[in-house]
Amino acid sequence: MADSELFLKDRVASMKHHYHREISKVGNLPIENNRSPLTLRMYNYLTNFPSKLLPFITINQNTVHQIDLRTSQPLLFANILNIYLNKTWEPMQFGDKKDKGEKHLLELFKKSQTRKYLKRLFAILRNYHKQLPSKGLDINHESPILLSGDDNDVLHFLNNVFYQDFYGVLQQQMDLPSRGAAKLFMFKLIFGSGARRDMYMEKFKKSYPTITQLIQEFKTDDEKSSGKKNKSQDTNFSVFMQCVESEIYIDRIYKPLRKQGVDCFSRHDSIVVVSGQEITVKDFIKKVFSEIEFVYNYKEEDKLFEAYTGDELRIDFDFYDE
């Protein structure tokens, strides 16, 4: 880079213009919800509103809380795998089919896009049945229940996503410099195209060989009987996860909350709610996840306190100490 200071100066000016433009929309433009036909996500100008500015948003003169799904993409995928494993290997009753896990998941998700991706995943899982555990985890337990001798990587993936800080676990397993680096790696794995190999991918594959193969095969075009390749979107794993996320957060959470009169708005895998209603919303989301037999891991943030820097807080504490 020829002149880093000049770059940063231009970047700051650009960000100021961007922030000013976004701020000018609030209270002046109507909030119009538009839903993507591809990802099923809902968009308005608050959906992608800069996170640094959220602390200054108020609803009816009240500050807001953001209730965010923790490690959302790995968590959603882990939940789908866990239900598939537990339902598929349940004792069969008279008249049951062998694909009970597939049937159950298709009953949970109604949109054609989501069901298309689920069916693609099912076809891949059938090919890997010998590498899959005989059952998933019992999510009624609030702590890890793996046996010490169990070395199935799928079970370890489920356990680490459900009961640990998964990005923190990856940081240690892959010898990464920070938790943020682990999060970035997972974003590249899920959102990246193809199966690009590098030393970090090899480290991840060493810990989770079956999980790596499942994701990479999902993202790989396969030949149809006609000799034509699938459209690229059929193999888009990240869009698959976004469709799952959207059916849960838009159709099962956001819309019912608004019908109940709760003051909130959606930001994909999180709900921003007016202060004072966060407990109601948190309990409702927990109930939704419980009803579909998904593990719910969340983080809750009072956006007011993000508006202050560490120096400002230290000044306040010094003042009170005096």
C-alpha atoms as a PDB file:
ATOM      1  CA  MET A   1       0.000   0.000   0.000  1.00  0.00           C
ATOM      2  CA  ALA A   2       1.528   3.288  -1.109  1.00  0.00           C
ATOM      3  CA  ASP A   3       0.143   5.556   1.616  1.00  0.00           C
ATOM      4  CA  SER A   4      -1.758   3.930   4.485  1.00  0.00           C
ATOM      5  CA  GLU A   5      -2.508   7.262   6.195  1.00  0.00           C
ATOM      6  CA  LEU A   6      -4.108   8.625   3.047  1.00  0.00           C
ATOM      7  CA  PHE A   7      -6.137   5.438   2.677  1.00  0.00           C
ATOM      8  CA  LEU A   8      -7.393   5.656   6.257  1.00  0.00           C
ATOM      9  CA  LYS A   9      -8.219   9.339   5.853  1.00  0.00           C
ATOM     10  CA  ASP A  10     -10.295   8.600   2.751  1.00  0.00           C
ATOM     11  CA  ARG A  11     -11.878   5.611   4.462  1.00  0.00           C
ATOM     12  CA  VAL A  12     -12.944   7.681   7.473  1.00  0.00           C
ATOM     13  CA  ALA A  13     -14.504  10.269   5.194  1.00  0.00           C
ATOM     14  CA  SER A  14     -16.366   7.549   3.317  1.00  0.00           C
ATOM     15  CA  MET A  15     -17.650   5.968   6.556  1.00  0.00           C
ATOM     16  CA  LYS A  16     -18.840   9.350   7.839  1.00  0.00           C
ATOM     17  CA  HIS A  17     -20.812   9.847   4.622  1.00  0.00           C
ATOM     18  CA  HIS A  18     -22.246   6.313   4.901  1.00  0.00           C
ATOM     19  CA  TYR A  19     -23.243   6.765   8.564  1.00  0.00           C
ATOM     20  CA  HIS A  20     -24.796  10.166   7.889  1.00  0.00           C
ATOM     21  CA  ARG A  21     -26.851   8.729   5.041  1.00  0.00           C
ATOM     22  CA  GLU A  22     -28.106   5.818   7.164  1.00  0.00           C
ATOM     23  CA  ILE A  23     -28.910   8.065  10.136  1.00  0.00           C
ATOM     24  CA  SER A  24     -30.909  10.418   7.900  1.00  0.00           C
ATOM     25  CA  LYS A  25     -33.281   7.566   7.010  1.00  0.00           C
ATOM     26  CA  VAL A  26     -34.407   6.931  10.600  1.00  0.00           C
ATOM     27  CA  GLY A  27     -37.682   8.651  11.359  1.00  0.00           C
ATOM     28  CA  ASN A  28     -37.850  10.135   7.861  1.00  0.00           C
ATOM     29  CA  LEU A  29     -38.426   7.116   5.649  1.00  0.00           C
ATOM     30  CA  PRO A  30     -41.124   4.489   6.214  1.00  0.00           C
ATOM     31  CA  ILE A  31     -39.887   1.041   7.216  1.00  0.00           C
ATOM     32  CA  GLU A  32     -40.818  -1.121   4.242  1.00  0.00           C
ATOM     33  CA  ASN A  33     -40.153  -4.836   4.593  1.00  0.00           C
ATOM     34  CA  ASN A  34     -39.077  -6.716   1.480  1.00  0.00           C
ATOM     35  CA  ARG A  35     -38.355 -10.419   1.500  1.00  0.00           C
ATOM     36  CA  SER A  36     -35.668 -11.958  -0.675  1.00  0.00           C
ATOM     37  CA  PRO A  37     -37.003 -14.744  -2.920  1.00  0.00           C
ATOM     38  CA  LEU A  38     -33.538 -16.349  -2.762  1.00  0.00           C
ATOM     39  CA  THR A  39     -32.600 -16.383   0.944  1.00  0.00           C
ATOM     40  CA  LEU A  40     -36.085 -15.651   2.397  1.00  0.00           C
ATOM     41  CA  ARG A  41     -34.445 -12.961   4.530  1.00  0.00           C
ATOM     42  CA  MET A  42     -36.393  -9.792   5.223  1.00  0.00           C
ATOM     43  CA  TYR A  43     -34.810  -6.450   4.418  1.00  0.00           C
ATOM     44  CA  ASN A  44     -35.457  -2.833   5.352  1.00  0.00           C
ATOM     45  CA  TYR A  45     -33.068   0.008   6.138  1.00  0.00           C
ATOM     46  CA  LEU A  46     -32.782  -1.124   9.772  1.00  0.00           C
ATOM     47  CA  THR A  47     -31.824  -4.690   8.844  1.00  0.00           C
ATOM     48  CA  ASN A  48     -28.312  -3.717   7.815  1.00  0.00           C
ATOM     49  CA  PHE A  49     -28.130  -0.540   9.870  1.00  0.00           C
ATOM     50  CA  PRO A  50     -24.510  -0.072  11.066  1.00  0.00           C
ATOM     51  CA  SER A  51     -24.059  -1.945  14.337  1.00  0.00           C
ATOM     52  CA  LYS A  52     -21.985   0.913  15.762  1.00  0.00           C
ATOM     53  CA  LEU A  53     -25.034   3.157  15.456  1.00  0.00           C
ATOM     54  CA  LEU A  54     -27.582   0.785  16.988  1.00  0.00           C
ATOM     55  CA  PRO A  55     -26.989   2.152  20.515  1.00  0.00           C
ATOM     56  CA  PHE A  56     -28.482   5.449  19.337  1.00  0.00           C
ATOM     57  CA  ILE A  57     -31.691   3.862  18.054  1.00  0.00           C
ATOM     58  CA  THR A  58     -34.707   4.301  20.326  1.00  0.00           C
ATOM     59  CA  ILE A  59     -38.220   2.909  20.113  1.00  0.00           C
ATOM     60  CA  ASN A  60     -40.792   5.190  21.711  1.00  0.00           C
ATOM     61  CA  GLN A  61     -37.940   7.060  23.437  1.00  0.00           C
ATOM     62  CA  ASN A  62     -36.633   3.822  24.970  1.00  0.00           C
ATOM     63  CA  THR A  63     -33.251   2.235  24.276  1.00  0.00           C
ATOM     64  CA  VAL A  64     -33.058  -1.192  22.692  1.00  0.00           C
ATOM     65  CA  HIS A  65     -31.677  -4.679  23.365  1.00  0.00           C
ATOM     66  CA  GLN A  66     -30.386  -7.030  20.694  1.00  0.00           C
ATOM     67  CA  ILE A  67     -30.966 -10.749  21.282  1.00  0.00           C
ATOM     68  CA  ASP A  68     -28.566 -12.474  18.929  1.00  0.00           C
ATOM     69  CA  LEU A  69     -28.225 -16.131  17.926  1.00  0.00           C
ATOM     70  CA  ARG A  70     -24.756 -17.263  18.974  1.00  0.00           C
ATOM     71  CA  THR A  71     -22.561 -18.939  16.300  1.00  0.00           C
ATOM     72  CA  SER A  72     -25.699 -18.961  14.172  1.00  0.00           C
ATOM     73  CA  GLN A  73     -24.627 -20.811  11.006  1.00  0.00           C
ATOM     74  CA  PRO A  74     -22.849 -23.726  12.777  1.00  0.00           C
ATOM     75  CA  LEU A  75     -25.674 -23.884  15.335  1.00  0.00           C
ATOM     76  CA  LEU A  76     -28.409 -24.166  12.717  1.00  0.00           C
ATOM     77  CA  PHE A  77     -26.509 -26.840  10.803  1.00  0.00           C
ATOM     78  CA  ALA A  78     -25.802 -28.770  14.007  1.00  0.00           C
ATOM     79  CA  ASN A  79     -29.494 -28.699  14.930  1.00  0.00           C
ATOM     80  CA  ILE A  80     -30.526 -30.056  11.539  1.00  0.00           C
ATOM     81  CA  LEU A  81     -27.971 -32.868  11.793  1.00  0.00           C
ATOM     82  CA  ASN A  82     -29.018 -33.696  15.352  1.00  0.00           C
ATOM     83  CA  ILE A  83     -32.709 -33.954  14.487  1.00  0.00           C
ATOM     84  CA  TYR A  84     -31.908 -36.040  11.411  1.00  0.00           C
ATOM     85  CA  LEU A  85     -29.844 -38.477  13.486  1.00  0.00           C
ATOM     86  CA  ASN A  86     -32.267 -38.751  16.393  1.00  0.00           C
ATOM     87  CA  LYS A  87     -35.416 -39.094  14.313  1.00  0.00           C
ATOM     88  CA  THR A  88     -33.955 -41.393  11.656  1.00  0.00           C
ATOM     89  CA  TRP A  89     -32.819 -43.990  14.173  1.00  0.00           C
ATOM     90  CA  GLU A  90     -35.886 -43.882  16.416  1.00  0.00           C
ATOM     91  CA  PRO A  91     -37.570 -47.276  16.948  1.00  0.00           C
ATOM     92  CA  MET A  92     -39.962 -47.759  14.053  1.00  0.00           C
ATOM     93  CA  GLN A  93     -43.670 -48.201  14.581  1.00  0.00           C
ATOM     94  CA  PHE A  94     -45.974 -50.072  12.246  1.00  0.00           C
ATOM     95  CA  GLY A  95     -46.419 -48.081   9.044  1.00  0.00           C
ATOM     96  CA  ASP A  96     -43.352 -45.895   9.642  1.00  0.00           C
ATOM     97  CA  LYS A  97     -40.910 -45.255   6.835  1.00  0.00           C
ATOM     98  CA  LYS A  98     -37.147 -45.396   7.176  1.00  0.00           C
ATOM     99  CA  ASP A  99     -36.791 -41.696   6.446  1.00  0.00           C
ATOM    100  CA  LYS A 100     -38.371 -40.421   9.662  1.00  0.00           C
ATOM    101  CA  GLY A 101     -35.632 -37.823  10.135  1.00  0.00           C
ATOM    102  CA  GLU A 102     -36.168 -36.481   6.629  1.00  0.00           C
ATOM    103  CA  LYS A 103     -39.938 -36.428   7.016  1.00  0.00           C
ATOM    104  CA  HIS A 104     -39.733 -34.603  10.350  1.00  0.00           C
ATOM    105  CA  LEU A 105     -37.467 -31.865   9.004  1.00  0.00           C
ATOM    106  CA  LEU A 106     -39.616 -31.380   5.906  1.00  0.00           C
ATOM    107  CA  GLU A 107     -42.616 -30.909   8.206  1.00  0.00           C
ATOM    108  CA  LEU A 108     -40.764 -28.189  10.141  1.00  0.00           C
ATOM    109  CA  PHE A 109     -39.813 -26.107   7.092  1.00  0.00           C
ATOM    110  CA  LYS A 110     -42.542 -25.170   4.616  1.00  0.00           C
ATOM    111  CA  LYS A 111     -40.847 -22.952   2.038  1.00  0.00           C
ATOM    112  CA  SER A 112     -39.950 -24.634  -1.251  1.00  0.00           C
ATOM    113  CA  GLN A 113     -36.419 -23.151  -1.225  1.00  0.00           C
ATOM    114  CA  THR A 114     -35.616 -24.590   2.203  1.00  0.00           C
ATOM    115  CA  ARG A 115     -37.089 -27.973   1.351  1.00  0.00           C
ATOM    116  CA  LYS A 116     -35.050 -28.137  -1.852  1.00  0.00           C
ATOM    117  CA  TYR A 117     -31.828 -27.650   0.108  1.00  0.00           C
ATOM    118  CA  LEU A 118     -32.915 -30.132   2.782  1.00  0.00           C
ATOM    119  CA  LYS A 119     -33.511 -32.802   0.154  1.00  0.00           C
ATOM    120  CA  ARG A 120     -30.044 -32.209  -1.265  1.00  0.00           C
ATOM    121  CA  LEU A 121     -28.571 -32.631   2.222  1.00  0.00           C
ATOM    122  CA  PHE A 122     -30.576 -35.829   2.780  1.00  0.00           C
ATOM    123  CA  ALA A 123     -29.175 -37.372  -0.394  1.00  0.00           C
ATOM    124  CA  ILE A 124     -25.636 -36.624   0.807  1.00  0.00           C
ATOM    125  CA  LEU A 125     -26.295 -37.918   4.326  1.00  0.00           C
ATOM    126  CA  ARG A 126     -27.531 -41.233   2.932  1.00  0.00           C
ATOM    127  CA  ASN A 127     -24.177 -41.667   1.198  1.00  0.00           C
ATOM    128  CA  TYR A 128     -22.360 -41.046   4.475  1.00  0.00           C
ATOM    129  CA  HIS A 129     -24.520 -43.212   6.723  1.00  0.00           C
ATOM    130  CA  LYS A 130     -21.566 -45.428   7.699  1.00  0.00           C
ATOM    131  CA  GLN A 131     -19.666 -42.413   8.999  1.00  0.00           C
ATOM    132  CA  LEU A 132     -22.609 -41.033  10.974  1.00  0.00           C
ATOM    133  CA  PRO A 133     -23.284 -41.930  14.613  1.00  0.00           C
ATOM    134  CA  SER A 134     -26.226 -44.189  15.419  1.00  0.00           C
ATOM    135  CA  LYS A 135     -27.956 -41.281  17.175  1.00  0.00           C
ATOM    136  CA  GLY A 136     -27.478 -37.614  17.951  1.00  0.00           C
ATOM    137  CA  LEU A 137     -27.274 -35.834  21.296  1.00  0.00           C
ATOM    138  CA  ASP A 138     -30.070 -35.654  23.833  1.00  0.00           C
ATOM    139  CA  ILE A 139     -30.618 -31.900  24.009  1.00  0.00           C
ATOM    140  CA  ASN A 140     -32.710 -32.231  27.163  1.00  0.00           C
ATOM    141  CA  HIS A 141     -29.402 -32.356  29.024  1.00  0.00           C
ATOM    142  CA  GLU A 142     -27.916 -28.953  29.779  1.00  0.00           C
ATOM    143  CA  SER A 143     -24.303 -30.158  29.720  1.00  0.00           C
ATOM    144  CA  PRO A 144     -22.135 -32.347  27.472  1.00  0.00           C
ATOM    145  CA  ILE A 145     -23.029 -36.040  27.625  1.00  0.00           C
ATOM    146  CA  LEU A 146     -20.407 -37.563  25.333  1.00  0.00           C
ATOM    147  CA  LEU A 147     -18.663 -40.663  26.575  1.00  0.00           C
ATOM    148  CA  SER A 148     -14.909 -40.264  26.956  1.00  0.00           C
ATOM    149  CA  GLY A 149     -14.244 -43.009  24.409  1.00  0.00           C
ATOM    150  CA  ASP A 150     -16.570 -41.662  21.746  1.00  0.00           C
ATOM    151  CA  ASP A 151     -14.426 -40.396  18.884  1.00  0.00           C
ATOM    152  CA  ASN A 152     -17.097 -39.744  16.249  1.00  0.00           C
ATOM    153  CA  ASP A 153     -16.346 -36.287  14.844  1.00  0.00           C
ATOM    154  CA  VAL A 154     -20.021 -35.529  14.131  1.00  0.00           C
ATOM    155  CA  LEU A 155     -20.890 -36.002  17.801  1.00  0.00           C
ATOM    156  CA  HIS A 156     -17.938 -33.849  18.839  1.00  0.00           C
ATOM    157  CA  PHE A 157     -19.085 -31.137  16.410  1.00  0.00           C
ATOM    158  CA  LEU A 158     -22.605 -31.230  17.881  1.00  0.00           C
ATOM    159  CA  ASN A 159     -21.255 -31.217  21.421  1.00  0.00           C
ATOM    160  CA  ASN A 160     -18.884 -28.287  20.824  1.00  0.00           C
ATOM    161  CA  VAL A 161     -21.522 -26.199  19.036  1.00  0.00           C
ATOM    162  CA  PHE A 162     -24.308 -26.906  21.547  1.00  0.00           C
ATOM    163  CA  TYR A 163     -22.394 -26.774  24.822  1.00  0.00           C
ATOM    164  CA  GLN A 164     -19.154 -24.862  24.196  1.00  0.00           C
ATOM    165  CA  ASP A 165     -18.067 -21.570  22.682  1.00  0.00           C
ATOM    166  CA  PHE A 166     -17.507 -23.158  19.265  1.00  0.00           C
ATOM    167  CA  TYR A 167     -15.329 -20.365  17.889  1.00  0.00           C
ATOM    168  CA  GLY A 168     -13.218 -20.533  21.037  1.00  0.00           C
ATOM    169  CA  VAL A 169     -12.872 -24.303  20.591  1.00  0.00           C
ATOM    170  CA  LEU A 170     -11.796 -23.812  16.965  1.00  0.00           C
ATOM    171  CA  GLN A 171      -9.246 -21.205  17.994  1.00  0.00           C
ATOM    172  CA  GLN A 172      -7.525 -23.786  20.181  1.00  0.00           C
ATOM    173  CA  GLN A 173      -7.929 -26.752  17.827  1.00  0.00           C
ATOM    174  CA  MET A 174      -6.596 -24.865  14.801  1.00  0.00           C
ATOM    175  CA  ASP A 175      -4.002 -22.789  16.676  1.00  0.00           C
ATOM    176  CA  LEU A 176      -5.535 -19.525  15.492  1.00  0.00           C
ATOM    177  CA  PRO A 177      -4.500 -16.114  16.892  1.00  0.00           C
ATOM    178  CA  SER A 178      -7.986 -15.125  18.076  1.00  0.00           C
ATOM    179  CA  ARG A 179     -11.603 -16.142  18.390  1.00  0.00           C
ATOM    180  CA  GLY A 180     -12.387 -13.671  15.611  1.00  0.00           C
ATOM    181  CA  ALA A 181     -10.047 -15.561  13.288  1.00  0.00           C
ATOM    182  CA  ALA A 182     -11.957 -18.769  14.019  1.00  0.00           C
ATOM    183  CA  LYS A 183     -15.228 -17.012  13.221  1.00  0.00           C
ATOM    184  CA  LEU A 184     -13.758 -15.710   9.970  1.00  0.00           C
ATOM    185  CA  PHE A 185     -12.621 -19.226   9.038  1.00  0.00           C
ATOM    186  CA  MET A 186     -16.139 -20.604   9.562  1.00  0.00           C
ATOM    187  CA  PHE A 187     -17.575 -17.807   7.432  1.00  0.00           C
ATOM    188  CA  LYS A 188     -15.161 -18.738   4.653  1.00  0.00           C
ATOM    189  CA  LEU A 189     -16.032 -22.420   4.996  1.00  0.00           C
ATOM    190  CA  ILE A 190     -19.773 -21.785   4.880  1.00  0.00           C
ATOM    191  CA  PHE A 191     -19.962 -18.826   2.502  1.00  0.00           C
ATOM    192  CA  GLY A 192     -16.992 -19.634   0.266  1.00  0.00           C
ATOM    193  CA  SER A 193     -17.469 -21.419  -3.050  1.00  0.00           C
ATOM    194  CA  GLY A 194     -15.889 -24.764  -3.809  1.00  0.00           C
ATOM    195  CA  ALA A 195     -13.475 -26.719  -1.660  1.00  0.00           C
ATOM    196  CA  ARG A 196     -10.356 -24.573  -1.686  1.00  0.00           C
ATOM    197  CA  ARG A 197      -7.624 -26.260   0.300  1.00  0.00           C
ATOM    198  CA  ASP A 198      -5.256 -24.512   2.682  1.00  0.00           C
ATOM    199  CA  MET A 199      -3.511 -25.376   5.912  1.00  0.00           C
ATOM    200  CA  TYR A 200      -6.419 -24.135   8.029  1.00  0.00           C
ATOM    201  CA  MET A 201      -8.904 -26.235   6.091  1.00  0.00           C
ATOM    202  CA  GLU A 202      -6.668 -29.243   6.700  1.00  0.00           C
ATOM    203  CA  LYS A 203      -6.609 -28.474  10.434  1.00  0.00           C
ATOM    204  CA  PHE A 204     -10.401 -28.213  10.523  1.00  0.00           C
ATOM    205  CA  LYS A 205     -10.726 -31.423   8.528  1.00  0.00           C
ATOM    206  CA  LYS A 206      -8.462 -33.206  10.976  1.00  0.00           C
ATOM    207  CA  SER A 207     -10.867 -32.403  13.829  1.00  0.00           C
ATOM    208  CA  TYR A 208     -14.112 -32.745  11.839  1.00  0.00           C
ATOM    209  CA  PRO A 209     -13.506 -34.931   8.750  1.00  0.00           C
ATOM    210  CA  THR A 210     -17.147 -35.942   8.200  1.00  0.00           C
ATOM    211  CA  ILE A 211     -18.489 -32.434   8.762  1.00  0.00           C
ATOM    212  CA  THR A 212     -15.951 -31.069   6.270  1.00  0.00           C
ATOM    213  CA  GLN A 213     -16.925 -33.668   3.674  1.00  0.00           C
ATOM    214  CA  LEU A 214     -20.652 -33.015   4.109  1.00  0.00           C
ATOM    215  CA  ILE A 215     -20.287 -29.259   3.607  1.00  0.00           C
ATOM    216  CA  GLN A 216     -17.853 -29.553   0.723  1.00  0.00           C
ATOM    217  CA  GLU A 217     -19.946 -32.153  -1.087  1.00  0.00           C
ATOM    218  CA  PHE A 218     -23.043 -29.989  -0.650  1.00  0.00           C
ATOM    219  CA  LYS A 219     -21.194 -27.154  -2.404  1.00  0.00           C
ATOM    220  CA  THR A 220     -19.913 -29.342  -5.264  1.00  0.00           C
ATOM    221  CA  ASP A 221     -21.836 -29.549  -8.550  1.00  0.00           C
ATOM    222  CA  ASP A 222     -22.809 -33.073  -9.504  1.00  0.00           C
ATOM    223  CA  GLU A 223     -23.777 -34.431 -12.895  1.00  0.00           C
ATOM    224  CA  LYS A 224     -27.432 -35.064 -13.605  1.00  0.00           C
ATOM    225  CA  SER A 225     -28.563 -37.935 -15.779  1.00  0.00           C
ATOM    226  CA  SER A 226     -29.056 -35.435 -18.601  1.00  0.00           C
ATOM    227  CA  GLY A 227     -25.386 -34.529 -18.471  1.00  0.00           C
ATOM    228  CA  LYS A 228     -26.101 -30.964 -17.337  1.00  0.00           C
ATOM    229  CA  LYS A 229     -24.802 -29.546 -14.101  1.00  0.00           C
ATOM    230  CA  ASN A 230     -26.972 -28.267 -11.296  1.00  0.00           C
ATOM    231  CA  LYS A 231     -27.453 -24.558 -11.083  1.00  0.00           C
ATOM    232  CA  SER A 232     -24.934 -23.011  -8.730  1.00  0.00           C
ATOM    233  CA  GLN A 233     -27.641 -21.952  -6.260  1.00  0.00           C
ATOM    234  CA  ASP A 234     -28.576 -25.593  -5.700  1.00  0.00           C
ATOM    235  CA  THR A 235     -25.172 -26.041  -4.079  1.00  0.00           C
ATOM    236  CA  ASN A 236     -25.095 -22.790  -2.121  1.00  0.00           C
ATOM    237  CA  PHE A 237     -24.674 -23.933   1.471  1.00  0.00           C
ATOM    238  CA  SER A 238     -24.789 -20.422   2.921  1.00  0.00           C
ATOM    239  CA  VAL A 239     -28.140 -19.688   1.233  1.00  0.00           C
ATOM    240  CA  PHE A 240     -29.405 -22.989   2.643  1.00  0.00           C
ATOM    241  CA  MET A 241     -28.542 -21.834   6.167  1.00  0.00           C
ATOM    242  CA  GLN A 242     -30.076 -18.396   5.520  1.00  0.00           C
ATOM    243  CA  CYS A 243     -33.335 -20.022   4.401  1.00  0.00           C
ATOM    244  CA  VAL A 244     -33.439 -22.109   7.584  1.00  0.00           C
ATOM    245  CA  GLU A 245     -32.639 -19.040   9.681  1.00  0.00           C
ATOM    246  CA  SER A 246     -35.328 -16.966   7.924  1.00  0.00           C
ATOM    247  CA  GLU A 247     -38.125 -19.484   8.353  1.00  0.00           C
ATOM    248  CA  ILE A 248     -37.373 -19.576  12.070  1.00  0.00           C
ATOM    249  CA  TYR A 249     -36.715 -15.895  12.728  1.00  0.00           C
ATOM    250  CA  ILE A 250     -39.218 -14.320  10.345  1.00  0.00           C
ATOM    251  CA  ASP A 251     -42.116 -16.773  10.204  1.00  0.00           C
ATOM    252  CA  ARG A 252     -41.941 -18.293  13.684  1.00  0.00           C
ATOM    253  CA  ILE A 253     -40.555 -15.387  15.735  1.00  0.00           C
ATOM    254  CA  TYR A 254     -40.729 -11.887  14.233  1.00  0.00           C
ATOM    255  CA  LYS A 255     -44.225 -12.029  12.696  1.00  0.00           C
ATOM    256  CA  PRO A 256     -45.897 -13.539  15.802  1.00  0.00           C
ATOM    257  CA  LEU A 257     -44.129 -11.016  18.060  1.00  0.00           C
ATOM    258  CA  ARG A 258     -45.390  -8.105  15.970  1.00  0.00           C
ATOM    259  CA  LYS A 259     -48.919  -9.538  16.056  1.00  0.00           C
ATOM    260  CA  GLN A 260     -48.617  -9.594  19.845  1.00  0.00           C
ATOM    261  CA  GLY A 261     -47.759  -5.882  19.785  1.00  0.00           C
ATOM    262  CA  VAL A 262     -44.104  -6.290  20.774  1.00  0.00           C
ATOM    263  CA  ASP A 263     -41.977  -3.327  19.649  1.00  0.00           C
ATOM    264  CA  CYS A 264     -39.098  -4.964  17.777  1.00  0.00           C
ATOM    265  CA  PHE A 265     -37.397  -5.370  14.440  1.00  0.00           C
ATOM    266  CA  SER A 266     -35.428  -8.188  12.849  1.00  0.00           C
ATOM    267  CA  ARG A 267     -31.745  -8.280  11.905  1.00  0.00           C
ATOM    268  CA  HIS A 268     -31.569 -11.711  10.273  1.00  0.00           C
ATOM    269  CA  ASP A 269     -30.472 -13.965  13.166  1.00  0.00           C
ATOM    270  CA  SER A 270     -31.323 -11.497  15.920  1.00  0.00           C
ATOM    271  CA  ILE A 271     -34.243  -9.520  17.281  1.00  0.00           C
ATOM    272  CA  VAL A 272     -33.819  -5.918  18.422  1.00  0.00           C
ATOM    273  CA  VAL A 273     -36.446  -5.136  21.047  1.00  0.00           C
ATOM    274  CA  VAL A 274     -37.388  -2.106  23.087  1.00  0.00           C
ATOM    275  CA  SER A 275     -35.963  -2.108  26.614  1.00  0.00           C
ATOM    276  CA  GLY A 276     -38.444  -3.592  29.051  1.00  0.00           C
ATOM    277  CA  GLN A 277     -39.691  -6.268  26.661  1.00  0.00           C
ATOM    278  CA  GLU A 278     -36.459  -8.229  26.273  1.00  0.00           C
ATOM    279  CA  ILE A 279     -37.443 -10.938  28.787  1.00  0.00           C
ATOM    280  CA  THR A 280     -40.743 -11.530  26.978  1.00  0.00           C
ATOM    281  CA  VAL A 281     -38.953 -11.818  23.638  1.00  0.00           C
ATOM    282  CA  LYS A 282     -36.193 -14.041  24.983  1.00  0.00           C
ATOM    283  CA  ASP A 283     -38.718 -16.434  26.525  1.00  0.00           C
ATOM    284  CA  PHE A 284     -40.727 -16.497  23.300  1.00  0.00           C
ATOM    285  CA  ILE A 285     -37.650 -17.335  21.190  1.00  0.00           C
ATOM    286  CA  LYS A 286     -36.665 -20.078  23.628  1.00  0.00           C
ATOM    287  CA  LYS A 287     -40.180 -21.517  23.335  1.00  0.00           C
ATOM    288  CA  VAL A 288     -40.012 -21.501  19.517  1.00  0.00           C
ATOM    289  CA  PHE A 289     -36.659 -23.289  19.473  1.00  0.00           C
ATOM    290  CA  SER A 290     -37.913 -25.809  22.029  1.00  0.00           C
ATOM    291  CA  GLU A 291     -41.031 -26.553  19.973  1.00  0.00           C
ATOM    292  CA  ILE A 292     -38.957 -27.445  16.902  1.00  0.00           C
ATOM    293  CA  GLU A 293     -36.440 -29.359  19.080  1.00  0.00           C
ATOM    294  CA  PHE A 294     -33.565 -26.998  18.296  1.00  0.00           C
ATOM    295  CA  VAL A 295     -30.886 -25.970  20.773  1.00  0.00           C
ATOM    296  CA  TYR A 296     -30.981 -22.206  21.337  1.00  0.00           C
ATOM    297  CA  ASN A 297     -27.759 -20.410  22.232  1.00  0.00           C
ATOM    298  CA  TYR A 298     -28.018 -16.655  22.427  1.00  0.00           C
ATOM    299  CA  LYS A 299     -26.247 -13.522  23.547  1.00  0.00           C
ATOM    300  CA  GLU A 300     -28.121 -10.492  24.785  1.00  0.00           C
ATOM    301  CA  GLU A 301     -26.764  -6.974  24.446  1.00  0.00           C
ATOM    302  CA  ASP A 302     -27.988  -3.715  25.892  1.00  0.00           C
ATOM    303  CA  LYS A 303     -27.056  -1.497  22.964  1.00  0.00           C
ATOM    304  CA  LEU A 304     -26.969   1.657  25.141  1.00  0.00           C
ATOM    305  CA  PHE A 305     -23.642   0.741  26.739  1.00  0.00           C
ATOM    306  CA  GLU A 306     -21.939   0.134  23.385  1.00  0.00           C
ATOM    307  CA  ALA A 307     -22.183   3.868  22.750  1.00  0.00           C
ATOM    308  CA  TYR A 308     -19.513   4.594  25.343  1.00  0.00           C
ATOM    309  CA  THR A 309     -15.798   3.973  25.041  1.00  0.00           C
ATOM    310  CA  GLY A 310     -13.568   2.505  27.726  1.00  0.00           C
ATOM    311  CA  ASP A 311     -12.005   5.917  28.371  1.00  0.00           C
ATOM    312  CA  GLU A 312     -15.408   7.471  28.990  1.00  0.00           C
ATOM    313  CA  LEU A 313     -16.323   4.719  31.431  1.00  0.00           C
ATOM    314  CA  ARG A 314     -13.038   5.133  33.282  1.00  0.00           C
ATOM    315  CA  ILE A 315     -13.676   8.862  33.640  1.00  0.00           C
ATOM    316  CA  ASP A 316     -17.100   8.110  35.099  1.00  0.00           C
ATOM    317  CA  PHE A 317     -15.662   5.643  37.604  1.00  0.00           C
ATOM    318  CA  ASP A 318     -12.902   8.093  38.587  1.00  0.00           C
ATOM    319  CA  PHE A 319     -15.556  10.713  39.214  1.00  0.00           C
ATOM    320  CA  TYR A 320     -17.530   8.433  41.528  1.00  0.00           C
ATOM    321  CA  ASP A 321     -14.363   7.326  43.306  1.00  0.00           C
ATOM    322  CA  GLU A 322     -13.726  10.910  44.251  1.00  0.00           C
END
